Amino acid sequence: MTGAASSIGPACAQRLARASAVVAVLDVNGDAAKDVAEKIGGEALQADLSDYEVLDSLRVEADVVVHDTGL
């Protein structure tokens, strides 16, 4: 889930986790992503999705991607 550490992101991540989803909390703010991930039992990832090199280097398997960032 992108943008998962701010705005409506934490609530969305929490709801997905309650529905038994394994949630990868991705945010540009690594500390905030870690905080959300710890609360829901998810995995924290830090990345700036506006950086194409970062996008190319991300290796995440996902069945569903929730894009909650205002790029």
N, C-alpha and C. Protein backbone atom coordinates (compact mmCIF):
# COMPACT_ATOMS: atom_id res chain seq x y z
N MET A 1 0.85 -1.16 0.00
CA MET A 1 0.00 0.00 0.00
C MET A 1 0.90 1.23 0.00
N THR A 2 0.78 2.07 -1.00
CA THR A 2 1.61 3.27 -1.08
C THR A 2 0.98 4.40 -0.28
N GLY A 3 1.81 5.30 0.22
CA GLY A 3 1.31 6.42 1.00
C GLY A 3 0.60 5.99 2.27
N ALA A 4 1.00 4.86 2.80
CA ALA A 4 0.27 4.23 3.89
C ALA A 4 0.53 4.81 5.28
N ALA A 5 1.44 5.75 5.39
CA ALA A 5 1.80 6.25 6.71
C ALA A 5 1.21 7.62 7.03
N SER A 6 0.41 8.17 6.13
CA SER A 6 -0.16 9.48 6.42
C SER A 6 -1.56 9.59 5.82
N SER A 7 -2.24 10.65 6.19
CA SER A 7 -3.59 10.92 5.71
C SER A 7 -4.50 9.73 6.00
N ILE A 8 -5.21 9.24 5.01
CA ILE A 8 -6.13 8.13 5.21
C ILE A 8 -5.40 6.77 5.15
N GLY A 9 -4.13 6.79 4.79
CA GLY A 9 -3.34 5.57 4.63
C GLY A 9 -3.33 4.62 5.81
N PRO A 10 -3.03 5.10 7.04
CA PRO A 10 -3.02 4.19 8.18
C PRO A 10 -4.37 3.50 8.41
N ALA A 11 -5.47 4.21 8.22
CA ALA A 11 -6.79 3.61 8.41
C ALA A 11 -7.04 2.54 7.36
N CYS A 12 -6.64 2.79 6.12
CA CYS A 12 -6.80 1.79 5.06
C CYS A 12 -5.95 0.56 5.35
N ALA A 13 -4.71 0.78 5.76
CA ALA A 13 -3.81 -0.33 6.07
C ALA A 13 -4.36 -1.16 7.23
N GLN A 14 -4.87 -0.48 8.24
CA GLN A 14 -5.44 -1.17 9.39
C GLN A 14 -6.65 -2.00 8.98
N ARG A 15 -7.50 -1.46 8.15
CA ARG A 15 -8.70 -2.18 7.71
C ARG A 15 -8.33 -3.41 6.87
N LEU A 16 -7.35 -3.26 6.01
CA LEU A 16 -6.90 -4.40 5.21
C LEU A 16 -6.33 -5.49 6.11
N ALA A 17 -5.55 -5.09 7.11
CA ALA A 17 -4.97 -6.07 8.04
C ALA A 17 -6.08 -6.79 8.82
N ARG A 18 -7.11 -6.05 9.24
CA ARG A 18 -8.23 -6.68 9.95
C ARG A 18 -8.97 -7.68 9.08
N ALA A 19 -8.89 -7.50 7.77
CA ALA A 19 -9.52 -8.42 6.82
C ALA A 19 -8.58 -9.57 6.46
N SER A 20 -7.52 -9.72 7.24
CA SER A 20 -6.53 -10.80 7.09
C SER A 20 -5.57 -10.63 5.92
N ALA A 21 -5.46 -9.42 5.38
CA ALA A 21 -4.47 -9.17 4.33
C ALA A 21 -3.09 -8.99 4.97
N VAL A 22 -2.09 -9.44 4.27
CA VAL A 22 -0.71 -9.16 4.66
C VAL A 22 -0.37 -7.84 3.99
N VAL A 23 -0.08 -6.82 4.80
CA VAL A 23 0.05 -5.46 4.28
C VAL A 23 1.52 -5.01 4.30
N ALA A 24 2.00 -4.58 3.15
CA ALA A 24 3.30 -3.92 3.04
C ALA A 24 3.02 -2.42 3.06
N VAL A 25 3.51 -1.75 4.09
CA VAL A 25 3.28 -0.33 4.30
C VAL A 25 4.43 0.43 3.65
N LEU A 26 4.17 1.05 2.52
CA LEU A 26 5.21 1.77 1.79
C LEU A 26 4.95 3.27 1.89
N ASP A 27 5.98 4.01 2.27
CA ASP A 27 5.84 5.46 2.38
C ASP A 27 7.22 6.09 2.23
N VAL A 28 7.25 7.34 1.83
CA VAL A 28 8.52 8.07 1.73
C VAL A 28 9.10 8.30 3.13
N ASN A 29 8.24 8.35 4.14
CA ASN A 29 8.66 8.51 5.53
C ASN A 29 8.83 7.13 6.16
N GLY A 30 10.05 6.65 6.21
CA GLY A 30 10.33 5.31 6.70
C GLY A 30 9.95 5.08 8.15
N ASP A 31 10.18 6.07 9.00
CA ASP A 31 9.83 5.92 10.42
C ASP A 31 8.32 5.80 10.60
N ALA A 32 7.57 6.60 9.87
CA ALA A 32 6.11 6.53 9.96
C ALA A 32 5.59 5.21 9.39
N ALA A 33 6.20 4.73 8.31
CA ALA A 33 5.81 3.43 7.74
C ALA A 33 6.06 2.32 8.75
N LYS A 34 7.19 2.39 9.43
CA LYS A 34 7.52 1.38 10.44
C LYS A 34 6.51 1.40 11.57
N ASP A 35 6.11 2.59 11.99
CA ASP A 35 5.14 2.73 13.08
C ASP A 35 3.80 2.09 12.70
N VAL A 36 3.32 2.38 11.50
CA VAL A 36 2.05 1.81 11.04
C VAL A 36 2.18 0.29 10.91
N ALA A 37 3.27 -0.17 10.32
CA ALA A 37 3.48 -1.60 10.12
C ALA A 37 3.52 -2.35 11.45
N GLU A 38 4.17 -1.78 12.45
CA GLU A 38 4.24 -2.43 13.76
C GLU A 38 2.85 -2.55 14.38
N LYS A 39 2.02 -1.55 14.18
CA LYS A 39 0.67 -1.56 14.77
C LYS A 39 -0.24 -2.60 14.12
N ILE A 40 0.00 -2.92 12.85
CA ILE A 40 -0.90 -3.84 12.15
C ILE A 40 -0.26 -5.19 11.85
N GLY A 41 1.00 -5.37 12.23
CA GLY A 41 1.68 -6.62 11.94
C GLY A 41 2.09 -6.74 10.48
N GLY A 42 2.38 -5.61 9.87
CA GLY A 42 2.77 -5.59 8.45
C GLY A 42 4.26 -5.39 8.27
N GLU A 43 4.66 -5.18 7.03
CA GLU A 43 6.04 -4.95 6.67
C GLU A 43 6.20 -3.49 6.24
N ALA A 44 7.24 -2.82 6.73
CA ALA A 44 7.48 -1.42 6.38
C ALA A 44 8.49 -1.33 5.24
N LEU A 45 8.21 -0.46 4.29
CA LEU A 45 9.11 -0.17 3.19
C LEU A 45 9.20 1.34 3.02
N GLN A 46 10.40 1.83 2.79
CA GLN A 46 10.58 3.26 2.54
C GLN A 46 10.97 3.44 1.09
N ALA A 47 10.25 4.32 0.38
CA ALA A 47 10.58 4.60 -1.01
C ALA A 47 9.93 5.89 -1.45
N ASP A 48 10.63 6.60 -2.33
CA ASP A 48 10.08 7.79 -2.98
C ASP A 48 9.63 7.36 -4.37
N LEU A 49 8.34 7.20 -4.56
CA LEU A 49 7.82 6.67 -5.81
C LEU A 49 7.94 7.64 -6.99
N SER A 50 8.38 8.86 -6.74
CA SER A 50 8.62 9.78 -7.84
C SER A 50 10.02 9.57 -8.44
N ASP A 51 10.82 8.71 -7.83
CA ASP A 51 12.17 8.39 -8.29
C ASP A 51 12.11 7.09 -9.10
N TYR A 52 12.25 7.19 -10.41
CA TYR A 52 12.10 6.02 -11.27
C TYR A 52 13.13 4.93 -10.98
N GLU A 53 14.32 5.29 -10.55
CA GLU A 53 15.33 4.27 -10.20
C GLU A 53 14.85 3.45 -9.01
N VAL A 54 14.20 4.11 -8.06
CA VAL A 54 13.65 3.40 -6.90
C VAL A 54 12.55 2.44 -7.37
N LEU A 55 11.69 2.91 -8.24
CA LEU A 55 10.62 2.06 -8.76
C LEU A 55 11.18 0.81 -9.42
N ASP A 56 12.24 0.98 -10.20
CA ASP A 56 12.84 -0.15 -10.88
C ASP A 56 13.48 -1.14 -9.90
N SER A 57 13.89 -0.66 -8.74
CA SER A 57 14.58 -1.53 -7.78
C SER A 57 13.63 -2.22 -6.80
N LEU A 58 12.38 -1.77 -6.71
CA LEU A 58 11.44 -2.38 -5.78
C LEU A 58 11.09 -3.79 -6.21
N ARG A 59 11.15 -4.71 -5.28
CA ARG A 59 10.77 -6.09 -5.55
C ARG A 59 9.75 -6.50 -4.50
N VAL A 60 8.49 -6.30 -4.82
CA VAL A 60 7.40 -6.61 -3.89
C VAL A 60 6.37 -7.45 -4.64
N GLU A 61 6.03 -8.59 -4.08
CA GLU A 61 4.96 -9.40 -4.67
C GLU A 61 3.65 -8.96 -4.03
N ALA A 62 2.66 -8.71 -4.87
CA ALA A 62 1.38 -8.25 -4.34
C ALA A 62 0.24 -8.76 -5.21
N ASP A 63 -0.84 -9.12 -4.56
CA ASP A 63 -2.06 -9.47 -5.27
C ASP A 63 -2.89 -8.21 -5.55
N VAL A 64 -2.80 -7.25 -4.62
CA VAL A 64 -3.55 -6.00 -4.73
C VAL A 64 -2.62 -4.86 -4.33
N VAL A 65 -2.66 -3.78 -5.06
CA VAL A 65 -1.90 -2.58 -4.71
C VAL A 65 -2.90 -1.45 -4.47
N VAL A 66 -2.82 -0.86 -3.29
CA VAL A 66 -3.66 0.30 -2.97
C VAL A 66 -2.76 1.51 -3.09
N HIS A 67 -3.06 2.37 -4.04
CA HIS A 67 -2.26 3.56 -4.29
C HIS A 67 -2.92 4.74 -3.57
N ASP A 68 -2.35 5.11 -2.43
CA ASP A 68 -2.92 6.17 -1.60
C ASP A 68 -1.91 7.30 -1.43
N THR A 69 -1.35 7.72 -2.53
CA THR A 69 -0.39 8.80 -2.46
C THR A 69 -0.74 9.83 -3.53
N GLY A 70 -0.46 11.06 -3.25
CA GLY A 70 -0.84 12.13 -4.18
C GLY A 70 0.29 12.58 -5.07
N LEU A 71 0.92 11.66 -5.75
CA LEU A 71 2.02 12.04 -6.64
C LEU A 71 1.54 12.86 -7.78
